[in-house]
Protein backbone atom coordinates (compact mmCIF):
# COMPACT_ATOMS: atom_id res chain seq x y z
CA MET A 1 -19.72 -12.79 19.17
CA ALA A 2 -21.69 -14.30 16.27
CA SER A 3 -22.14 -10.89 14.67
CA LYS A 4 -18.35 -10.35 14.65
CA GLY A 5 -17.91 -13.69 12.88
CA ILE A 6 -20.59 -12.77 10.30
CA LEU A 7 -18.94 -9.38 9.71
CA LEU A 8 -15.53 -11.04 9.31
CA ALA A 9 -16.96 -13.63 6.92
CA ALA A 10 -18.63 -10.85 4.86
CA ILE A 11 -15.35 -8.93 4.63
CA CYS A 12 -13.50 -12.08 3.54
CA ILE A 13 -16.12 -12.86 0.90
CA PHE A 14 -15.94 -9.31 -0.46
CA TYR A 15 -12.14 -9.46 -0.52
CA LEU A 16 -12.15 -12.80 -2.39
CA ALA A 17 -14.82 -11.57 -4.81
CA THR A 18 -12.68 -8.53 -5.65
CA GLN A 19 -9.47 -9.36 -7.40
CA VAL A 20 -7.15 -6.66 -8.60
CA GLN A 21 -4.26 -8.02 -10.57
CA GLY A 22 -1.00 -6.20 -11.29
CA ASN A 23 -1.90 -5.52 -14.92
CA GLY A 24 -4.86 -3.26 -14.16
CA ASP A 25 -7.59 -5.91 -14.47
CA LEU A 26 -10.45 -5.77 -11.96
CA THR A 27 -13.13 -8.36 -11.27
CA ALA A 28 -15.74 -7.77 -8.58
CA GLY A 29 -18.88 -9.85 -7.99
CA TYR A 30 -20.25 -12.72 -10.05
CA THR A 31 -21.61 -12.64 -13.62
CA TYR A 32 -23.53 -15.91 -13.34
CA GLY A 33 -27.21 -15.22 -13.87
CA ALA A 34 -26.63 -11.48 -14.37
CA THR A 35 -27.41 -9.39 -17.47
CA LYS A 36 -24.75 -7.18 -19.05
CA ILE A 37 -25.94 -3.60 -18.80
CA HIS A 38 -22.78 -1.80 -19.96
CA HIS A 39 -19.87 -2.53 -22.33
CA GLU A 40 -17.46 0.05 -23.56
CA ILE A 41 -13.80 0.46 -24.47
CA TYR A 42 -12.18 3.49 -22.86
CA THR A 43 -8.94 4.83 -24.33
CA LYS A 44 -6.66 7.79 -23.78
CA LYS A 45 -3.51 8.59 -25.72
CA ALA A 46 -0.18 9.06 -23.99
CA LEU A 47 1.06 12.52 -23.00
CA PRO A 48 4.74 13.01 -22.07
CA LEU A 49 5.40 12.94 -18.31
CA GLN A 50 1.67 12.78 -17.45
CA LYS A 51 -0.65 10.11 -16.06
CA ARG A 52 -3.91 9.76 -17.92
CA VAL A 53 -6.97 9.45 -15.60
CA GLU A 54 -10.68 8.98 -16.22
CA GLU A 55 -13.57 8.48 -13.86
CA ILE A 56 -16.69 6.81 -15.21
CA GLU A 57 -20.04 6.35 -13.52
CA ILE A 58 -22.41 3.57 -14.65
CA LYS A 59 -25.96 3.44 -13.29
CA ALA A 60 -28.10 0.29 -13.20
CA PRO A 61 -31.46 0.68 -14.99
CA HIS A 62 -34.95 0.33 -13.49
CA ASN A 63 -34.11 -0.14 -9.78
CA LYS A 64 -31.73 -3.03 -10.45
CA THR A 65 -28.55 -3.51 -8.49
CA ILE A 66 -25.08 -4.08 -9.82
CA GLN A 67 -24.02 -7.76 -9.59
CA ALA A 68 -20.54 -7.66 -11.19
CA VAL A 69 -17.89 -5.30 -12.60
CA VAL A 70 -15.25 -6.66 -14.98
CA VAL A 71 -12.44 -4.38 -16.18
CA LYS A 72 -9.76 -5.68 -18.58
CA ASP A 73 -6.56 -3.72 -19.10
CA LEU A 74 -6.00 -4.22 -22.83
CA LYS A 75 -2.58 -2.48 -22.81
CA GLY A 76 -1.33 -4.08 -19.62
CA ASN A 77 0.13 -1.00 -18.01
CA GLY A 78 -2.81 0.67 -16.26
CA GLU A 79 -4.65 0.64 -12.95
CA SER A 80 -8.39 0.35 -12.29
CA TYR A 81 -10.42 0.40 -9.09
CA ILE A 82 -13.90 1.04 -7.76
CA LYS A 83 -14.08 4.54 -6.31
CA ARG A 84 -17.77 4.63 -5.22
CA GLY A 85 -20.75 2.33 -5.25
CA GLY A 86 -20.33 -1.17 -6.62
CA ILE A 87 -21.79 -4.59 -5.92
CA GLY A 88 -25.30 -4.41 -4.41
CA MET A 89 -25.62 -0.69 -5.23
CA ASP A 90 -27.50 1.04 -8.07
CA SER A 91 -24.35 2.62 -9.53
CA VAL A 92 -20.61 2.25 -9.68
CA THR A 93 -17.85 4.81 -10.24
CA LEU A 94 -14.59 3.46 -11.66
CA LYS A 95 -11.26 5.15 -11.84
CA LEU A 96 -8.99 4.25 -14.74
CA LYS A 97 -5.33 5.31 -14.69
CA SER A 98 -2.22 4.92 -16.85
CA GLU A 99 1.39 4.92 -15.91
CA LYS A 100 3.26 8.20 -16.31
CA GLY A 101 3.97 8.93 -19.98
CA HIS A 102 1.62 6.16 -21.23
CA GLY A 103 -1.95 6.00 -22.43
CA PHE A 104 -4.53 3.38 -21.51
CA LYS A 105 -7.11 1.10 -23.09
CA PHE A 106 -9.64 -0.60 -20.83
CA SER A 107 -12.69 -2.80 -21.64
CA VAL A 108 -15.43 -2.22 -19.00
CA ASP A 109 -18.38 -4.59 -18.51
CA VAL A 110 -21.00 -4.10 -15.82
CA TYR A 111 -23.68 -6.66 -14.97
CA ALA A 112 -26.97 -6.26 -13.05
């Protein structure tokens, strides 16, 4: 019974630590005490009637683990989420998407 409670608590903590807002922003984990290992602005121009999509993989250096992922949607019309890996892993794969007929501009920061 105690293991079910611990599992439920872990799921709740992960859910609360991961916030996906409607504007495409994503915050997972905690940056306190972590070192920024990656910062980049990703952009794609709009194409008529097409969604723009990009997958990016970021690996933590020297056997470190990822502590936090912060994605800011600078245009306010995109979507971002973690596809593979993430907090506590040595890499994370992010998927960045735009609305149909729009481009995107995301700021991506990863901490380890």
